[in-house]
Amino acid sequence: MELYNGRPENTEGRLEREVRTYDFLDELGIEYFRTDHEPANNMEACNEIDAVLGVLICKNLFLCNRQKTKFYLLMMPGDKKFKTKELSSQINSARLSFAGPDDMLKYLDIEPGAVSIMGLMNDKEKEVQLLIDEDVLEGEYIGCHPCVCTSSLKMKTEDIVKKFLPAVGHEAEIVHLVGED
């Protein structure tokens, strides 16, 4: 794996949703670094990607309430454990569960394995509430996917908060997750 500054020179063979992500970031003037890789299906592969990027990639979870009337995108440190009960009480939503692949496509134009804050650019109706664990905001950089699981990005946290989120019309609700047993 190599680290590149910005978009691929040749986008042939890449999914339209990935190219659209690069177009949007470039339009906003957000600098990003990129590495291309095979889908990461274990922690070893994730650790290799993190090492190339020089940042811990965020764990991004797409959640919903039992009635599927509210959807949430949770960003949290990749090494922190997720506890449904801990989050449910903070956002006043009982019975949180993982949203299915159909909902990922419908709301974020993302498939399993590629869930990312970048998907919010596809949420035109503002159906998804962004939740960010406070620890994510402490880092200088955020690592995420460009709406596909075969590339990963590194960009400044400040650019996500001050440029990307306002451009997509989303505000983050900050949560505090302990993530311990």
C-alpha atoms as a PDB file:
ATOM      1  CA  MET A   1       0.000   0.000   0.000  1.00  0.00           C
ATOM      2  CA  GLU A   2       1.131   3.498  -0.803  1.00  0.00           C
ATOM      3  CA  LEU A   3       0.030   6.861   0.506  1.00  0.00           C
ATOM      4  CA  TYR A   4      -1.127   9.331  -2.138  1.00  0.00           C
ATOM      5  CA  ASN A   5      -1.997  13.006  -1.836  1.00  0.00           C
ATOM      6  CA  GLY A   6      -5.508  13.478  -3.228  1.00  0.00           C
ATOM      7  CA  ARG A   7      -7.600  11.680  -5.802  1.00  0.00           C
ATOM      8  CA  PRO A   8      -6.421   8.928  -8.139  1.00  0.00           C
ATOM      9  CA  GLU A   9      -4.972  10.170 -11.427  1.00  0.00           C
ATOM     10  CA  ASN A  10      -7.084   7.637 -13.296  1.00  0.00           C
ATOM     11  CA  THR A  11     -10.601   6.897 -12.014  1.00  0.00           C
ATOM     12  CA  GLU A  12     -11.365   4.214 -14.599  1.00  0.00           C
ATOM     13  CA  GLY A  13     -12.830   1.148 -12.928  1.00  0.00           C
ATOM     14  CA  ARG A  14     -13.717   3.003  -9.729  1.00  0.00           C
ATOM     15  CA  LEU A  15     -17.299   3.247  -8.544  1.00  0.00           C
ATOM     16  CA  GLU A  16     -19.165   6.457  -9.260  1.00  0.00           C
ATOM     17  CA  ARG A  17     -19.862   6.996  -5.539  1.00  0.00           C
ATOM     18  CA  GLU A  18     -16.107   6.982  -4.848  1.00  0.00           C
ATOM     19  CA  VAL A  19     -15.326   9.451  -7.643  1.00  0.00           C
ATOM     20  CA  ARG A  20     -18.198  11.663  -6.468  1.00  0.00           C
ATOM     21  CA  THR A  21     -16.575  11.741  -3.005  1.00  0.00           C
ATOM     22  CA  TYR A  22     -13.257  12.966  -4.437  1.00  0.00           C
ATOM     23  CA  ASP A  23     -15.082  15.564  -6.559  1.00  0.00           C
ATOM     24  CA  PHE A  24     -16.921  16.876  -3.500  1.00  0.00           C
ATOM     25  CA  LEU A  25     -13.821  17.064  -1.298  1.00  0.00           C
ATOM     26  CA  ASP A  26     -11.884  18.815  -4.079  1.00  0.00           C
ATOM     27  CA  GLU A  27     -14.751  21.270  -4.586  1.00  0.00           C
ATOM     28  CA  LEU A  28     -14.638  22.111  -0.861  1.00  0.00           C
ATOM     29  CA  GLY A  29     -10.868  22.569  -0.945  1.00  0.00           C
ATOM     30  CA  ILE A  30     -10.299  19.819   1.615  1.00  0.00           C
ATOM     31  CA  GLU A  31      -6.853  18.257   1.449  1.00  0.00           C
ATOM     32  CA  TYR A  32      -6.804  14.494   1.912  1.00  0.00           C
ATOM     33  CA  PHE A  33      -4.429  11.586   1.676  1.00  0.00           C
ATOM     34  CA  ARG A  34      -5.501   8.249   0.212  1.00  0.00           C
ATOM     35  CA  THR A  35      -4.429   4.639   0.176  1.00  0.00           C
ATOM     36  CA  ASP A  36      -5.945   1.876  -1.927  1.00  0.00           C
ATOM     37  CA  HIS A  37      -6.278  -1.653  -0.545  1.00  0.00           C
ATOM     38  CA  GLU A  38      -8.239  -4.866  -0.525  1.00  0.00           C
ATOM     39  CA  PRO A  39     -11.376  -4.844   1.661  1.00  0.00           C
ATOM     40  CA  ALA A  40     -10.241  -5.103   5.283  1.00  0.00           C
ATOM     41  CA  ASN A  41     -12.009  -8.062   6.847  1.00  0.00           C
ATOM     42  CA  ASN A  42      -9.896  -8.464   9.968  1.00  0.00           C
ATOM     43  CA  MET A  43      -8.078  -6.307  12.499  1.00  0.00           C
ATOM     44  CA  GLU A  44      -4.653  -7.093  11.040  1.00  0.00           C
ATOM     45  CA  ALA A  45      -5.681  -5.619   7.694  1.00  0.00           C
ATOM     46  CA  CYS A  46      -7.191  -2.583   9.453  1.00  0.00           C
ATOM     47  CA  ASN A  47      -3.971  -2.056  11.413  1.00  0.00           C
ATOM     48  CA  GLU A  48      -1.931  -2.126   8.187  1.00  0.00           C
ATOM     49  CA  ILE A  49      -4.169   0.541   6.644  1.00  0.00           C
ATOM     50  CA  ASP A  50      -3.946   2.655   9.803  1.00  0.00           C
ATOM     51  CA  ALA A  51      -0.139   2.409   9.673  1.00  0.00           C
ATOM     52  CA  VAL A  52       0.011   3.592   6.054  1.00  0.00           C
ATOM     53  CA  LEU A  53      -2.328   6.515   6.790  1.00  0.00           C
ATOM     54  CA  GLY A  54      -0.674   7.315  10.106  1.00  0.00           C
ATOM     55  CA  VAL A  55      -4.069   7.593  11.793  1.00  0.00           C
ATOM     56  CA  LEU A  56      -6.576   5.306  13.491  1.00  0.00           C
ATOM     57  CA  ILE A  57      -9.523   4.850  11.154  1.00  0.00           C
ATOM     58  CA  CYS A  58     -12.827   5.615  12.837  1.00  0.00           C
ATOM     59  CA  LYS A  59     -15.322   2.896  13.535  1.00  0.00           C
ATOM     60  CA  ASN A  60     -18.459   4.005  11.694  1.00  0.00           C
ATOM     61  CA  LEU A  61     -21.707   2.315  12.688  1.00  0.00           C
ATOM     62  CA  PHE A  62     -25.019   2.815  10.907  1.00  0.00           C
ATOM     63  CA  LEU A  63     -27.769   2.362  13.481  1.00  0.00           C
ATOM     64  CA  CYS A  64     -31.537   2.699  13.705  1.00  0.00           C
ATOM     65  CA  ASN A  65     -34.312   2.521  16.267  1.00  0.00           C
ATOM     66  CA  ARG A  66     -36.573  -0.538  16.360  1.00  0.00           C
ATOM     67  CA  GLN A  67     -39.287   1.146  14.273  1.00  0.00           C
ATOM     68  CA  LYS A  68     -36.727   2.202  11.635  1.00  0.00           C
ATOM     69  CA  THR A  69     -37.971   5.783  11.887  1.00  0.00           C
ATOM     70  CA  LYS A  70     -34.653   7.228  13.070  1.00  0.00           C
ATOM     71  CA  PHE A  71     -31.223   6.526  11.637  1.00  0.00           C
ATOM     72  CA  TYR A  72     -27.849   7.357  13.148  1.00  0.00           C
ATOM     73  CA  LEU A  73     -24.274   7.349  11.915  1.00  0.00           C
ATOM     74  CA  LEU A  74     -21.948   6.865  14.878  1.00  0.00           C
ATOM     75  CA  MET A  75     -18.248   7.715  14.585  1.00  0.00           C
ATOM     76  CA  MET A  76     -16.075   6.379  17.357  1.00  0.00           C
ATOM     77  CA  PRO A  77     -12.431   5.383  17.830  1.00  0.00           C
ATOM     78  CA  GLY A  78     -11.713   2.098  16.109  1.00  0.00           C
ATOM     79  CA  ASP A  79     -10.263   0.587  19.260  1.00  0.00           C
ATOM     80  CA  LYS A  80     -13.227   1.402  21.514  1.00  0.00           C
ATOM     81  CA  LYS A  81     -15.974  -1.146  22.246  1.00  0.00           C
ATOM     82  CA  PHE A  82     -19.534  -0.229  21.296  1.00  0.00           C
ATOM     83  CA  LYS A  83     -22.258  -0.682  23.883  1.00  0.00           C
ATOM     84  CA  THR A  84     -25.787  -0.082  22.644  1.00  0.00           C
ATOM     85  CA  LYS A  85     -27.181   0.676  26.103  1.00  0.00           C
ATOM     86  CA  GLU A  86     -24.543   3.341  26.734  1.00  0.00           C
ATOM     87  CA  LEU A  87     -25.467   5.226  23.555  1.00  0.00           C
ATOM     88  CA  SER A  88     -29.236   4.678  23.752  1.00  0.00           C
ATOM     89  CA  SER A  89     -29.519   6.533  27.038  1.00  0.00           C
ATOM     90  CA  GLN A  90     -27.574   9.541  25.713  1.00  0.00           C
ATOM     91  CA  ILE A  91     -29.715  10.014  22.619  1.00  0.00           C
ATOM     92  CA  ASN A  92     -33.036   8.972  24.208  1.00  0.00           C
ATOM     93  CA  SER A  93     -33.613   6.140  21.786  1.00  0.00           C
ATOM     94  CA  ALA A  94     -34.519   2.720  23.091  1.00  0.00           C
ATOM     95  CA  ARG A  95     -33.667  -0.446  21.226  1.00  0.00           C
ATOM     96  CA  LEU A  96     -30.923   0.652  18.864  1.00  0.00           C
ATOM     97  CA  SER A  97     -29.758  -1.905  16.352  1.00  0.00           C
ATOM     98  CA  PHE A  98     -27.643  -2.053  13.223  1.00  0.00           C
ATOM     99  CA  ALA A  99     -29.433  -0.811  10.129  1.00  0.00           C
ATOM    100  CA  GLY A 100     -29.457  -3.175   7.181  1.00  0.00           C
ATOM    101  CA  PRO A 101     -27.701  -2.976   3.813  1.00  0.00           C
ATOM    102  CA  ASP A 102     -30.838  -1.693   2.070  1.00  0.00           C
ATOM    103  CA  ASP A 103     -31.020   1.259   4.459  1.00  0.00           C
ATOM    104  CA  MET A 104     -27.295   1.979   3.978  1.00  0.00           C
ATOM    105  CA  LEU A 105     -27.847   2.233   0.242  1.00  0.00           C
ATOM    106  CA  LYS A 106     -31.061   4.217   0.556  1.00  0.00           C
ATOM    107  CA  TYR A 107     -29.784   6.891   2.937  1.00  0.00           C
ATOM    108  CA  LEU A 108     -26.003   7.017   2.434  1.00  0.00           C
ATOM    109  CA  ASP A 109     -25.382   5.278  -0.925  1.00  0.00           C
ATOM    110  CA  ILE A 110     -22.925   3.005   0.882  1.00  0.00           C
ATOM    111  CA  GLU A 111     -22.605  -0.760   1.186  1.00  0.00           C
ATOM    112  CA  PRO A 112     -21.558  -2.780   4.251  1.00  0.00           C
ATOM    113  CA  GLY A 113     -17.857  -2.434   4.993  1.00  0.00           C
ATOM    114  CA  ALA A 114     -17.696   1.104   3.602  1.00  0.00           C
ATOM    115  CA  VAL A 115     -19.814   3.057   6.105  1.00  0.00           C
ATOM    116  CA  SER A 116     -18.298   6.511   6.473  1.00  0.00           C
ATOM    117  CA  ILE A 117     -19.058  10.108   7.303  1.00  0.00           C
ATOM    118  CA  MET A 118     -18.549  10.747   3.582  1.00  0.00           C
ATOM    119  CA  GLY A 119     -21.916   9.070   2.982  1.00  0.00           C
ATOM    120  CA  LEU A 120     -23.645  12.098   4.517  1.00  0.00           C
ATOM    121  CA  MET A 121     -23.069  13.921   1.222  1.00  0.00           C
ATOM    122  CA  ASN A 122     -25.679  11.517  -0.216  1.00  0.00           C
ATOM    123  CA  ASP A 123     -28.235  12.127   2.559  1.00  0.00           C
ATOM    124  CA  LYS A 124     -30.057  14.939   0.751  1.00  0.00           C
ATOM    125  CA  GLU A 125     -33.178  14.677   2.939  1.00  0.00           C
ATOM    126  CA  LYS A 126     -31.161  14.863   6.206  1.00  0.00           C
ATOM    127  CA  GLU A 127     -32.621  11.571   7.468  1.00  0.00           C
ATOM    128  CA  VAL A 128     -29.461  10.497   9.310  1.00  0.00           C
ATOM    129  CA  GLN A 129     -28.322  11.999  12.611  1.00  0.00           C
ATOM    130  CA  LEU A 130     -24.541  12.139  12.986  1.00  0.00           C
ATOM    131  CA  LEU A 131     -23.199  11.089  16.390  1.00  0.00           C
ATOM    132  CA  ILE A 132     -19.510  11.586  17.137  1.00  0.00           C
ATOM    133  CA  ASP A 133     -17.745  10.226  20.190  1.00  0.00           C
ATOM    134  CA  GLU A 134     -15.861  13.110  21.802  1.00  0.00           C
ATOM    135  CA  ASP A 135     -12.557  11.208  21.570  1.00  0.00           C
ATOM    136  CA  VAL A 136     -12.713  11.327  17.745  1.00  0.00           C
ATOM    137  CA  LEU A 137     -12.676  15.124  17.839  1.00  0.00           C
ATOM    138  CA  GLU A 138      -9.501  15.192  19.930  1.00  0.00           C
ATOM    139  CA  GLY A 139      -7.376  13.828  17.100  1.00  0.00           C
ATOM    140  CA  GLU A 140      -5.809  16.107  14.487  1.00  0.00           C
ATOM    141  CA  TYR A 141      -6.876  13.740  11.702  1.00  0.00           C
ATOM    142  CA  ILE A 142      -9.774  11.449  10.885  1.00  0.00           C
ATOM    143  CA  GLY A 143      -9.481   8.288   8.817  1.00  0.00           C
ATOM    144  CA  CYS A 144     -12.486   7.077   6.812  1.00  0.00           C
ATOM    145  CA  HIS A 145     -13.596   5.453   3.559  1.00  0.00           C
ATOM    146  CA  PRO A 146     -14.560   7.424   0.427  1.00  0.00           C
ATOM    147  CA  CYS A 147     -17.888   5.505   0.237  1.00  0.00           C
ATOM    148  CA  VAL A 148     -16.106   2.289  -0.838  1.00  0.00           C
ATOM    149  CA  CYS A 149     -14.184  -0.281   1.210  1.00  0.00           C
ATOM    150  CA  THR A 150     -11.191  -0.496  -1.149  1.00  0.00           C
ATOM    151  CA  SER A 151      -9.742   2.934  -0.328  1.00  0.00           C
ATOM    152  CA  SER A 152      -9.210   4.894   2.862  1.00  0.00           C
ATOM    153  CA  LEU A 153      -8.711   8.605   3.442  1.00  0.00           C
ATOM    154  CA  LYS A 154      -6.955  10.766   6.012  1.00  0.00           C
ATOM    155  CA  MET A 155      -8.045  14.368   6.465  1.00  0.00           C
ATOM    156  CA  LYS A 156      -7.948  17.016   9.136  1.00  0.00           C
ATOM    157  CA  THR A 157     -10.656  16.754  11.772  1.00  0.00           C
ATOM    158  CA  GLU A 158     -11.083  20.519  11.569  1.00  0.00           C
ATOM    159  CA  ASP A 159     -11.860  20.281   7.832  1.00  0.00           C
ATOM    160  CA  ILE A 160     -14.534  17.663   8.500  1.00  0.00           C
ATOM    161  CA  VAL A 161     -16.160  19.771  11.210  1.00  0.00           C
ATOM    162  CA  LYS A 162     -15.804  23.254   9.678  1.00  0.00           C
ATOM    163  CA  LYS A 163     -16.028  22.555   5.930  1.00  0.00           C
ATOM    164  CA  PHE A 164     -17.542  19.146   5.187  1.00  0.00           C
ATOM    165  CA  LEU A 165     -20.405  19.053   7.712  1.00  0.00           C
ATOM    166  CA  PRO A 166     -21.692  22.569   6.926  1.00  0.00           C
ATOM    167  CA  ALA A 167     -21.508  21.775   3.183  1.00  0.00           C
ATOM    168  CA  VAL A 168     -23.668  18.658   3.615  1.00  0.00           C
ATOM    169  CA  GLY A 169     -26.029  20.380   6.063  1.00  0.00           C
ATOM    170  CA  HIS A 170     -25.431  18.069   9.004  1.00  0.00           C
ATOM    171  CA  GLU A 171     -24.590  18.884  12.596  1.00  0.00           C
ATOM    172  CA  ALA A 172     -22.943  16.400  14.894  1.00  0.00           C
ATOM    173  CA  GLU A 173     -24.301  15.441  18.268  1.00  0.00           C
ATOM    174  CA  ILE A 174     -21.311  14.778  20.508  1.00  0.00           C
ATOM    175  CA  VAL A 175     -21.584  11.680  22.689  1.00  0.00           C
ATOM    176  CA  HIS A 176     -19.423  10.247  25.456  1.00  0.00           C
ATOM    177  CA  LEU A 177     -18.759   6.538  25.141  1.00  0.00           C
ATOM    178  CA  VAL A 178     -16.690   4.767  27.755  1.00  0.00           C
ATOM    179  CA  GLY A 179     -16.565   1.500  25.832  1.00  0.00           C
ATOM    180  CA  GLU A 180     -15.350  -0.584  28.767  1.00  0.00           C
ATOM    181  CA  ASP A 181     -16.891  -3.647  30.363  1.00  0.00           C
END
